[in-house]
Amino acid sequence: MERKTHLDRFGAIALTVFALNLALNQVVVKVTNGGFEPVFAAGLRSLGAALVLTLWMVLRGVSLRLPRATMWAGVLSGTLFALEFTSLFTALDLSSVSRVSIIFYSMPVWLALAAHVFLPNERLTRICIAGLVLAMCGVTLAIFERDQGQVSWLGDGLALLSAMCWAAIALSVRVTPLAKVPPAQQLYWQLIISAPILLLIAPLFGPLVRDLAPIHLAGLTFQIIAVASLGFLAWFWLMSIYPANTVASFSFLSPVFAVLLGWLILDEQIGVQIWVALALVAAGIVLINRR
């Protein structure tokens, strides 16, 4: 498919579906945690996704090896990936999907701030600063709303840490030699580095298996195929076709969908303050991603 200069109907539908897929993943992780210890589930997800991605890369003739000069950056990215999902999966175990999603999807805020410092060509504009202020106000509202749903200071803090790790990964593939590596190889190394780290540290967090049932296995399979491997490959493909800022702007839909799905599927209690926080974060993300 040829490179496009603007978003068409197919792109809008595809990006909306991807945002919905990421939002549904938050609910699925929450459910899957009922059968697996969260960090162990994250490790199994990375391991399974690495196997799926290996098969895809072999069939497509994509090399599994990173150039020697980029290996340290691949290890760094994979370690950040492990920390991100240790934090995110544990946060979803402690707090509600709505709270965690609003905080986690504040990632563009931290990426924009980091880019302002480390990327001279990406200084903050007035519109970006307005977006940052709105989004940070939304995150603050979400954190200090303590009356509705499953609430945990630790869970909120871990969700914030996972958002910052996600931003650090995005920055690392811009300022390190990984910038010259195909996206599939970047994802592959994140998975093969994170899988052993997560599986090795998982016993430190408690029993690896909880009240395991078929729904938990189905949830883990969904995460492996629909999100961590083929899902992100689809996103990279969309990034190769449509303008990056257009693709990024659709990220505001994920926290919106996640809050709605948490309410519809998990019957989470959502107060007015959470809805206001969600609106502020979504508006901030849109402004941050404008040209």
C-alpha atoms as a PDB file:
ATOM      1  CA  MET A   1       0.000   0.000   0.000  1.00  0.00           C
ATOM      2  CA  GLU A   2       1.460   3.357  -1.065  1.00  0.00           C
ATOM      3  CA  ARG A   3       2.345   6.176   1.319  1.00  0.00           C
ATOM      4  CA  LYS A   4      -0.499   8.676   1.836  1.00  0.00           C
ATOM      5  CA  THR A   5      -0.356  12.345   2.756  1.00  0.00           C
ATOM      6  CA  HIS A   6      -3.752  12.398   4.481  1.00  0.00           C
ATOM      7  CA  LEU A   7      -6.092  10.072   6.344  1.00  0.00           C
ATOM      8  CA  ASP A   8      -8.698   8.231   4.273  1.00  0.00           C
ATOM      9  CA  ARG A   9     -11.740   6.199   5.349  1.00  0.00           C
ATOM     10  CA  PHE A  10      -9.791   2.946   5.634  1.00  0.00           C
ATOM     11  CA  GLY A  11      -7.143   4.586   7.792  1.00  0.00           C
ATOM     12  CA  ALA A  12      -9.710   6.193  10.093  1.00  0.00           C
ATOM     13  CA  ILE A  13     -11.512   2.892  10.592  1.00  0.00           C
ATOM     14  CA  ALA A  14      -8.273   0.933  11.080  1.00  0.00           C
ATOM     15  CA  LEU A  15      -6.892   3.384  13.650  1.00  0.00           C
ATOM     16  CA  THR A  16     -10.196   3.471  15.522  1.00  0.00           C
ATOM     17  CA  VAL A  17     -10.259  -0.336  15.652  1.00  0.00           C
ATOM     18  CA  PHE A  18      -6.670  -0.386  16.893  1.00  0.00           C
ATOM     19  CA  ALA A  19      -7.484   2.136  19.638  1.00  0.00           C
ATOM     20  CA  LEU A  20     -10.454  -0.023  20.635  1.00  0.00           C
ATOM     21  CA  ASN A  21      -8.211  -3.098  20.627  1.00  0.00           C
ATOM     22  CA  LEU A  22      -5.751  -1.432  23.017  1.00  0.00           C
ATOM     23  CA  ALA A  23      -8.592  -0.332  25.285  1.00  0.00           C
ATOM     24  CA  LEU A  24     -10.095  -3.826  25.341  1.00  0.00           C
ATOM     25  CA  ASN A  25      -6.650  -5.140  26.244  1.00  0.00           C
ATOM     26  CA  GLN A  26      -6.793  -3.214  29.546  1.00  0.00           C
ATOM     27  CA  VAL A  27     -10.009  -5.033  30.455  1.00  0.00           C
ATOM     28  CA  VAL A  28      -8.577  -8.371  29.296  1.00  0.00           C
ATOM     29  CA  VAL A  29      -5.448  -7.889  31.440  1.00  0.00           C
ATOM     30  CA  LYS A  30      -7.651  -7.132  34.443  1.00  0.00           C
ATOM     31  CA  VAL A  31      -9.627 -10.344  33.871  1.00  0.00           C
ATOM     32  CA  THR A  32      -6.529 -12.452  33.112  1.00  0.00           C
ATOM     33  CA  ASN A  33      -4.977 -11.365  36.402  1.00  0.00           C
ATOM     34  CA  GLY A  34      -7.664 -13.431  38.087  1.00  0.00           C
ATOM     35  CA  GLY A  35      -5.921 -16.592  36.878  1.00  0.00           C
ATOM     36  CA  PHE A  36      -2.264 -15.568  36.748  1.00  0.00           C
ATOM     37  CA  GLU A  37       0.011 -13.480  38.930  1.00  0.00           C
ATOM     38  CA  PRO A  38       0.276 -10.200  36.922  1.00  0.00           C
ATOM     39  CA  VAL A  39       4.049 -10.173  36.314  1.00  0.00           C
ATOM     40  CA  PHE A  40       3.968 -13.865  35.378  1.00  0.00           C
ATOM     41  CA  ALA A  41       1.137 -13.127  32.923  1.00  0.00           C
ATOM     42  CA  ALA A  42       3.209 -10.302  31.419  1.00  0.00           C
ATOM     43  CA  GLY A  43       6.154 -12.680  31.011  1.00  0.00           C
ATOM     44  CA  LEU A  44       4.019 -15.341  29.342  1.00  0.00           C
ATOM     45  CA  ARG A  45       2.618 -12.673  27.048  1.00  0.00           C
ATOM     46  CA  SER A  46       6.107 -11.531  25.986  1.00  0.00           C
ATOM     47  CA  LEU A  47       7.231 -15.132  25.473  1.00  0.00           C
ATOM     48  CA  GLY A  48       4.177 -16.069  23.409  1.00  0.00           C
ATOM     49  CA  ALA A  49       4.347 -12.875  21.363  1.00  0.00           C
ATOM     50  CA  ALA A  50       8.057 -13.464  20.693  1.00  0.00           C
ATOM     51  CA  LEU A  51       7.241 -16.908  19.275  1.00  0.00           C
ATOM     52  CA  VAL A  52       4.474 -15.516  17.053  1.00  0.00           C
ATOM     53  CA  LEU A  53       6.685 -12.655  15.871  1.00  0.00           C
ATOM     54  CA  THR A  54       9.594 -15.033  15.194  1.00  0.00           C
ATOM     55  CA  LEU A  55       7.380 -17.126  12.919  1.00  0.00           C
ATOM     56  CA  TRP A  56       6.116 -14.021  11.110  1.00  0.00           C
ATOM     57  CA  MET A  57       9.643 -12.624  10.618  1.00  0.00           C
ATOM     58  CA  VAL A  58      11.005 -15.946   9.334  1.00  0.00           C
ATOM     59  CA  LEU A  59       8.133 -16.265   6.854  1.00  0.00           C
ATOM     60  CA  ARG A  60       8.663 -12.688   5.674  1.00  0.00           C
ATOM     61  CA  GLY A  61      12.439 -13.039   5.485  1.00  0.00           C
ATOM     62  CA  VAL A  62      13.092 -10.385   8.151  1.00  0.00           C
ATOM     63  CA  SER A  63      16.373 -10.849  10.022  1.00  0.00           C
ATOM     64  CA  LEU A  64      16.096 -11.680  13.730  1.00  0.00           C
ATOM     65  CA  ARG A  65      19.520 -10.245  14.517  1.00  0.00           C
ATOM     66  CA  LEU A  66      20.245  -6.668  15.440  1.00  0.00           C
ATOM     67  CA  PRO A  67      23.416  -5.039  14.073  1.00  0.00           C
ATOM     68  CA  ARG A  68      26.145  -5.268  16.722  1.00  0.00           C
ATOM     69  CA  ALA A  69      26.226  -1.499  17.216  1.00  0.00           C
ATOM     70  CA  THR A  70      22.546  -1.432  18.190  1.00  0.00           C
ATOM     71  CA  MET A  71      22.462  -4.371  20.602  1.00  0.00           C
ATOM     72  CA  TRP A  72      22.999  -2.273  23.742  1.00  0.00           C
ATOM     73  CA  ALA A  73      20.057  -0.104  22.706  1.00  0.00           C
ATOM     74  CA  GLY A  74      17.954  -3.226  22.111  1.00  0.00           C
ATOM     75  CA  VAL A  75      18.765  -4.497  25.605  1.00  0.00           C
ATOM     76  CA  LEU A  76      17.907  -1.090  27.089  1.00  0.00           C
ATOM     77  CA  SER A  77      14.603  -0.984  25.214  1.00  0.00           C
ATOM     78  CA  GLY A  78      13.732  -4.535  26.302  1.00  0.00           C
ATOM     79  CA  THR A  79      14.553  -3.778  29.941  1.00  0.00           C
ATOM     80  CA  LEU A  80      12.325  -0.689  29.864  1.00  0.00           C
ATOM     81  CA  PHE A  81       9.635  -2.845  28.258  1.00  0.00           C
ATOM     82  CA  ALA A  82       9.860  -5.302  31.160  1.00  0.00           C
ATOM     83  CA  LEU A  83       9.593  -2.492  33.714  1.00  0.00           C
ATOM     84  CA  GLU A  84       6.669  -0.945  31.834  1.00  0.00           C
ATOM     85  CA  PHE A  85       4.591  -4.102  31.906  1.00  0.00           C
ATOM     86  CA  THR A  86       5.587  -5.115  35.414  1.00  0.00           C
ATOM     87  CA  SER A  87       4.160  -1.765  36.469  1.00  0.00           C
ATOM     88  CA  LEU A  88       1.099  -1.796  34.188  1.00  0.00           C
ATOM     89  CA  PHE A  89      -0.064  -5.346  34.925  1.00  0.00           C
ATOM     90  CA  THR A  90       0.395  -4.841  38.674  1.00  0.00           C
ATOM     91  CA  ALA A  91      -1.409  -1.484  38.489  1.00  0.00           C
ATOM     92  CA  LEU A  92      -4.399  -3.133  36.809  1.00  0.00           C
ATOM     93  CA  ASP A  93      -4.421  -5.700  39.606  1.00  0.00           C
ATOM     94  CA  LEU A  94      -4.620  -2.959  42.233  1.00  0.00           C
ATOM     95  CA  SER A  95      -6.718  -0.230  40.612  1.00  0.00           C
ATOM     96  CA  SER A  96      -9.678   0.031  38.263  1.00  0.00           C
ATOM     97  CA  VAL A  97      -9.279  -0.054  34.484  1.00  0.00           C
ATOM     98  CA  SER A  98     -10.638   3.485  34.172  1.00  0.00           C
ATOM     99  CA  ARG A  99      -8.086   4.989  36.594  1.00  0.00           C
ATOM    100  CA  VAL A 100      -5.112   3.087  35.214  1.00  0.00           C
ATOM    101  CA  SER A 101      -6.021   3.835  31.586  1.00  0.00           C
ATOM    102  CA  ILE A 102      -6.324   7.577  32.114  1.00  0.00           C
ATOM    103  CA  ILE A 103      -2.932   7.682  33.838  1.00  0.00           C
ATOM    104  CA  PHE A 104      -1.206   5.221  31.483  1.00  0.00           C
ATOM    105  CA  TYR A 105      -2.336   7.007  28.322  1.00  0.00           C
ATOM    106  CA  SER A 106      -0.779  10.219  29.567  1.00  0.00           C
ATOM    107  CA  MET A 107       2.354   8.870  27.850  1.00  0.00           C
ATOM    108  CA  PRO A 108       2.367  11.612  25.137  1.00  0.00           C
ATOM    109  CA  VAL A 109       2.801  14.172  27.932  1.00  0.00           C
ATOM    110  CA  TRP A 110       6.038  12.608  29.162  1.00  0.00           C
ATOM    111  CA  LEU A 111       7.255  11.921  25.623  1.00  0.00           C
ATOM    112  CA  ALA A 112       6.665  15.546  24.604  1.00  0.00           C
ATOM    113  CA  LEU A 113       8.567  16.788  27.657  1.00  0.00           C
ATOM    114  CA  ALA A 114      11.452  14.385  26.996  1.00  0.00           C
ATOM    115  CA  ALA A 115      11.539  15.284  23.292  1.00  0.00           C
ATOM    116  CA  HIS A 116      11.731  18.970  24.219  1.00  0.00           C
ATOM    117  CA  VAL A 117      14.913  18.236  26.182  1.00  0.00           C
ATOM    118  CA  PHE A 118      16.606  15.631  23.990  1.00  0.00           C
ATOM    119  CA  LEU A 119      15.386  16.415  20.449  1.00  0.00           C
ATOM    120  CA  PRO A 120      16.268  19.974  19.379  1.00  0.00           C
ATOM    121  CA  ASN A 121      13.826  19.920  16.460  1.00  0.00           C
ATOM    122  CA  GLU A 122      10.849  19.038  18.653  1.00  0.00           C
ATOM    123  CA  ARG A 123      10.595  21.988  21.013  1.00  0.00           C
ATOM    124  CA  LEU A 124       7.266  22.578  22.710  1.00  0.00           C
ATOM    125  CA  THR A 125       4.940  25.010  20.974  1.00  0.00           C
ATOM    126  CA  ARG A 126       2.237  27.023  22.707  1.00  0.00           C
ATOM    127  CA  ILE A 127      -0.389  24.534  21.552  1.00  0.00           C
ATOM    128  CA  CYS A 128       1.680  21.629  22.899  1.00  0.00           C
ATOM    129  CA  ILE A 129       2.133  23.403  26.223  1.00  0.00           C
ATOM    130  CA  ALA A 130      -1.634  23.935  26.444  1.00  0.00           C
ATOM    131  CA  GLY A 131      -2.115  20.237  25.735  1.00  0.00           C
ATOM    132  CA  LEU A 132       0.429  19.304  28.387  1.00  0.00           C
ATOM    133  CA  VAL A 133      -1.317  21.457  30.978  1.00  0.00           C
ATOM    134  CA  LEU A 134      -4.734  19.975  30.164  1.00  0.00           C
ATOM    135  CA  ALA A 135      -3.481  16.385  30.221  1.00  0.00           C
ATOM    136  CA  MET A 136      -1.524  16.836  33.463  1.00  0.00           C
ATOM    137  CA  CYS A 137      -4.573  18.407  35.102  1.00  0.00           C
ATOM    138  CA  GLY A 138      -6.551  15.362  33.999  1.00  0.00           C
ATOM    139  CA  VAL A 139      -3.992  12.931  35.428  1.00  0.00           C
ATOM    140  CA  THR A 140      -3.929  14.869  38.703  1.00  0.00           C
ATOM    141  CA  LEU A 141      -7.731  14.756  38.933  1.00  0.00           C
ATOM    142  CA  ALA A 142      -7.720  11.004  38.287  1.00  0.00           C
ATOM    143  CA  ILE A 143      -5.072  10.329  40.934  1.00  0.00           C
ATOM    144  CA  PHE A 144      -6.776  12.405  43.625  1.00  0.00           C
ATOM    145  CA  GLU A 145     -10.260  11.032  42.966  1.00  0.00           C
ATOM    146  CA  ARG A 146     -10.502   8.500  45.824  1.00  0.00           C
ATOM    147  CA  ASP A 147     -14.250   7.924  46.244  1.00  0.00           C
ATOM    148  CA  GLN A 148     -15.245   5.723  43.288  1.00  0.00           C
ATOM    149  CA  GLY A 149     -14.236   2.203  42.252  1.00  0.00           C
ATOM    150  CA  GLN A 150     -11.091   0.229  43.053  1.00  0.00           C
ATOM    151  CA  VAL A 151      -8.556   2.745  44.384  1.00  0.00           C
ATOM    152  CA  SER A 152      -4.875   2.267  45.218  1.00  0.00           C
ATOM    153  CA  TRP A 153      -2.109   4.842  45.627  1.00  0.00           C
ATOM    154  CA  LEU A 154       0.419   2.164  44.656  1.00  0.00           C
ATOM    155  CA  GLY A 155      -1.636   1.207  41.604  1.00  0.00           C
ATOM    156  CA  ASP A 156      -1.866   4.824  40.474  1.00  0.00           C
ATOM    157  CA  GLY A 157       1.867   5.304  40.986  1.00  0.00           C
ATOM    158  CA  LEU A 158       2.700   2.174  39.000  1.00  0.00           C
ATOM    159  CA  ALA A 159       0.403   3.268  36.167  1.00  0.00           C
ATOM    160  CA  LEU A 160       2.298   6.573  36.035  1.00  0.00           C
ATOM    161  CA  LEU A 161       5.638   4.740  36.049  1.00  0.00           C
ATOM    162  CA  SER A 162       4.479   2.499  33.181  1.00  0.00           C
ATOM    163  CA  ALA A 163       3.475   5.575  31.140  1.00  0.00           C
ATOM    164  CA  MET A 164       6.935   7.075  31.696  1.00  0.00           C
ATOM    165  CA  CYS A 165       8.622   3.803  30.679  1.00  0.00           C
ATOM    166  CA  TRP A 166       6.532   3.732  27.504  1.00  0.00           C
ATOM    167  CA  ALA A 167       7.661   7.281  26.731  1.00  0.00           C
ATOM    168  CA  ALA A 168      11.274   6.302  27.436  1.00  0.00           C
ATOM    169  CA  ILE A 169      11.012   3.418  24.967  1.00  0.00           C
ATOM    170  CA  ALA A 170       9.581   5.711  22.305  1.00  0.00           C
ATOM    171  CA  LEU A 171      12.393   8.181  22.914  1.00  0.00           C
ATOM    172  CA  SER A 172      15.062   5.470  22.918  1.00  0.00           C
ATOM    173  CA  VAL A 173      14.191   4.411  19.380  1.00  0.00           C
ATOM    174  CA  ARG A 174      14.657   8.027  18.291  1.00  0.00           C
ATOM    175  CA  VAL A 175      17.971   8.911  19.976  1.00  0.00           C
ATOM    176  CA  THR A 176      19.810   5.565  19.860  1.00  0.00           C
ATOM    177  CA  PRO A 177      21.000   3.442  16.908  1.00  0.00           C
ATOM    178  CA  LEU A 178      17.644   1.621  17.073  1.00  0.00           C
ATOM    179  CA  ALA A 179      16.320   4.441  14.870  1.00  0.00           C
ATOM    180  CA  LYS A 180      17.947   2.635  11.910  1.00  0.00           C
ATOM    181  CA  VAL A 181      16.402  -0.743  12.771  1.00  0.00           C
ATOM    182  CA  PRO A 182      13.101  -1.954  11.226  1.00  0.00           C
ATOM    183  CA  PRO A 183      10.135  -1.770  13.650  1.00  0.00           C
ATOM    184  CA  ALA A 184       9.661  -5.558  13.668  1.00  0.00           C
ATOM    185  CA  GLN A 185      13.215  -6.018  14.973  1.00  0.00           C
ATOM    186  CA  GLN A 186      12.672  -3.328  17.617  1.00  0.00           C
ATOM    187  CA  LEU A 187       9.551  -5.129  18.870  1.00  0.00           C
ATOM    188  CA  TYR A 188      11.246  -8.539  18.658  1.00  0.00           C
ATOM    189  CA  TRP A 189      14.111  -7.436  20.895  1.00  0.00           C
ATOM    190  CA  GLN A 190      11.755  -5.826  23.381  1.00  0.00           C
ATOM    191  CA  LEU A 191       9.940  -9.151  23.640  1.00  0.00           C
ATOM    192  CA  ILE A 192      12.944 -11.492  23.869  1.00  0.00           C
ATOM    193  CA  ILE A 193      14.662  -9.306  26.467  1.00  0.00           C
ATOM    194  CA  SER A 194      11.554  -8.679  28.570  1.00  0.00           C
ATOM    195  CA  ALA A 195      10.281 -12.288  28.609  1.00  0.00           C
ATOM    196  CA  PRO A 196      13.118 -13.823  30.701  1.00  0.00           C
ATOM    197  CA  ILE A 197      13.290 -10.784  32.999  1.00  0.00           C
ATOM    198  CA  LEU A 198       9.551 -10.933  33.729  1.00  0.00           C
ATOM    199  CA  LEU A 199       9.478 -14.715  34.173  1.00  0.00           C
ATOM    200  CA  LEU A 200      12.500 -14.667  36.504  1.00  0.00           C
ATOM    201  CA  ILE A 201      11.164 -11.925  38.793  1.00  0.00           C
ATOM    202  CA  ALA A 202       7.537 -13.133  38.792  1.00  0.00           C
ATOM    203  CA  PRO A 203       7.955 -15.513  41.811  1.00  0.00           C
ATOM    204  CA  LEU A 204       8.943 -12.491  43.909  1.00  0.00           C
ATOM    205  CA  PHE A 205       5.387 -11.158  43.598  1.00  0.00           C
ATOM    206  CA  GLY A 206       3.523 -14.226  44.882  1.00  0.00           C
ATOM    207  CA  PRO A 207       2.084 -17.549  43.614  1.00  0.00           C
ATOM    208  CA  LEU A 208       2.308 -17.728  39.833  1.00  0.00           C
ATOM    209  CA  VAL A 209      -1.137 -19.245  39.320  1.00  0.00           C
ATOM    210  CA  ARG A 210      -4.335 -18.103  40.990  1.00  0.00           C
ATOM    211  CA  ASP A 211      -7.855 -19.419  40.324  1.00  0.00           C
ATOM    212  CA  LEU A 212      -7.074 -20.458  36.741  1.00  0.00           C
ATOM    213  CA  ALA A 213      -9.996 -20.982  34.336  1.00  0.00           C
ATOM    214  CA  PRO A 214     -10.433 -21.166  30.528  1.00  0.00           C
ATOM    215  CA  ILE A 215     -11.331 -17.462  30.355  1.00  0.00           C
ATOM    216  CA  HIS A 216      -7.886 -16.566  31.708  1.00  0.00           C
ATOM    217  CA  LEU A 217      -6.154 -18.682  29.058  1.00  0.00           C
ATOM    218  CA  ALA A 218      -8.328 -17.070  26.383  1.00  0.00           C
ATOM    219  CA  GLY A 219      -7.399 -13.645  27.711  1.00  0.00           C
ATOM    220  CA  LEU A 220      -3.682 -14.450  27.601  1.00  0.00           C
ATOM    221  CA  THR A 221      -4.028 -15.738  24.017  1.00  0.00           C
ATOM    222  CA  PHE A 222      -5.795 -12.529  23.022  1.00  0.00           C
ATOM    223  CA  GLN A 223      -2.968 -10.444  24.490  1.00  0.00           C
ATOM    224  CA  ILE A 224      -0.300 -12.495  22.706  1.00  0.00           C
ATOM    225  CA  ILE A 225      -1.872 -12.420  19.244  1.00  0.00           C
ATOM    226  CA  ALA A 226      -4.149  -9.385  19.046  1.00  0.00           C
ATOM    227  CA  VAL A 227      -1.920  -6.927  20.915  1.00  0.00           C
ATOM    228  CA  ALA A 228       1.695  -7.836  21.674  1.00  0.00           C
ATOM    229  CA  SER A 229       2.632  -9.317  18.284  1.00  0.00           C
ATOM    230  CA  LEU A 230       0.286  -8.941  15.303  1.00  0.00           C
ATOM    231  CA  GLY A 231      -1.508  -5.952  16.831  1.00  0.00           C
ATOM    232  CA  PHE A 232       1.615  -3.822  17.072  1.00  0.00           C
ATOM    233  CA  LEU A 233       2.816  -5.002  13.662  1.00  0.00           C
ATOM    234  CA  ALA A 234      -0.455  -3.641  12.267  1.00  0.00           C
ATOM    235  CA  TRP A 235       0.214  -0.337  14.029  1.00  0.00           C
ATOM    236  CA  PHE A 236       3.724  -0.120  12.581  1.00  0.00           C
ATOM    237  CA  TRP A 237       2.211  -0.836   9.143  1.00  0.00           C
ATOM    238  CA  LEU A 238      -0.277   2.030   9.565  1.00  0.00           C
ATOM    239  CA  MET A 239       2.598   4.289  10.654  1.00  0.00           C
ATOM    240  CA  SER A 240       4.364   3.464   7.378  1.00  0.00           C
ATOM    241  CA  ILE A 241       1.325   4.558   5.339  1.00  0.00           C
ATOM    242  CA  TYR A 242      -0.177   7.583   7.104  1.00  0.00           C
ATOM    243  CA  PRO A 243       1.442  10.729   8.593  1.00  0.00           C
ATOM    244  CA  ALA A 244       2.854  10.003  12.046  1.00  0.00           C
ATOM    245  CA  ASN A 245       1.077  12.900  13.771  1.00  0.00           C
ATOM    246  CA  THR A 246      -2.257  11.736  12.340  1.00  0.00           C
ATOM    247  CA  VAL A 247      -1.704   8.198  13.596  1.00  0.00           C
ATOM    248  CA  ALA A 248      -0.592   9.487  17.005  1.00  0.00           C
ATOM    249  CA  SER A 249      -3.644  11.718  17.380  1.00  0.00           C
ATOM    250  CA  PHE A 250      -5.889   8.646  17.491  1.00  0.00           C
ATOM    251  CA  SER A 251      -4.242   7.653  20.782  1.00  0.00           C
ATOM    252  CA  PHE A 252      -6.787   9.858  22.585  1.00  0.00           C
ATOM    253  CA  LEU A 253      -9.459   7.283  21.755  1.00  0.00           C
ATOM    254  CA  SER A 254      -7.832   4.477  23.767  1.00  0.00           C
ATOM    255  CA  PRO A 255      -8.422   5.926  27.258  1.00  0.00           C
ATOM    256  CA  VAL A 256     -11.943   6.926  26.210  1.00  0.00           C
ATOM    257  CA  PHE A 257     -12.728   3.410  25.051  1.00  0.00           C
ATOM    258  CA  ALA A 258     -10.996   1.872  28.097  1.00  0.00           C
ATOM    259  CA  VAL A 259     -13.106   3.858  30.569  1.00  0.00           C
ATOM    260  CA  LEU A 260     -16.285   2.970  28.684  1.00  0.00           C
ATOM    261  CA  LEU A 261     -15.366  -0.731  28.493  1.00  0.00           C
ATOM    262  CA  GLY A 262     -14.453  -0.828  32.182  1.00  0.00           C
ATOM    263  CA  TRP A 263     -17.880   0.610  32.936  1.00  0.00           C
ATOM    264  CA  LEU A 264     -19.776  -1.663  30.514  1.00  0.00           C
ATOM    265  CA  ILE A 265     -17.928  -4.963  31.016  1.00  0.00           C
ATOM    266  CA  LEU A 266     -16.560  -4.775  34.556  1.00  0.00           C
ATOM    267  CA  ASP A 267     -19.327  -2.578  35.986  1.00  0.00           C
ATOM    268  CA  GLU A 268     -16.778  -0.139  37.377  1.00  0.00           C
ATOM    269  CA  GLN A 269     -18.076   2.860  39.285  1.00  0.00           C
ATOM    270  CA  ILE A 270     -17.030   6.052  37.544  1.00  0.00           C
ATOM    271  CA  GLY A 271     -17.588   9.401  39.218  1.00  0.00           C
ATOM    272  CA  VAL A 272     -17.910  12.802  37.561  1.00  0.00           C
ATOM    273  CA  GLN A 273     -14.300  13.631  38.438  1.00  0.00           C
ATOM    274  CA  ILE A 274     -13.050  10.649  36.412  1.00  0.00           C
ATOM    275  CA  TRP A 275     -15.097  11.718  33.375  1.00  0.00           C
ATOM    276  CA  VAL A 276     -13.659  15.237  33.641  1.00  0.00           C
ATOM    277  CA  ALA A 277     -10.145  13.806  33.994  1.00  0.00           C
ATOM    278  CA  LEU A 278     -10.710  11.662  30.909  1.00  0.00           C
ATOM    279  CA  ALA A 279     -11.891  14.670  28.879  1.00  0.00           C
ATOM    280  CA  LEU A 280      -8.859  16.719  29.922  1.00  0.00           C
ATOM    281  CA  VAL A 281      -6.368  13.956  29.066  1.00  0.00           C
ATOM    282  CA  ALA A 282      -8.024  13.249  25.701  1.00  0.00           C
ATOM    283  CA  ALA A 283      -8.075  16.948  24.781  1.00  0.00           C
ATOM    284  CA  GLY A 284      -4.456  17.310  25.868  1.00  0.00           C
ATOM    285  CA  ILE A 285      -3.337  14.372  23.710  1.00  0.00           C
ATOM    286  CA  VAL A 286      -5.060  15.862  20.666  1.00  0.00           C
ATOM    287  CA  LEU A 287      -3.312  19.214  21.171  1.00  0.00           C
ATOM    288  CA  ILE A 288       0.090  17.599  21.805  1.00  0.00           C
ATOM    289  CA  ASN A 289      -0.126  15.661  18.546  1.00  0.00           C
ATOM    290  CA  ARG A 290      -1.143  18.612  16.368  1.00  0.00           C
ATOM    291  CA  ARG A 291       1.465  19.972  13.959  1.00  0.00           C
END
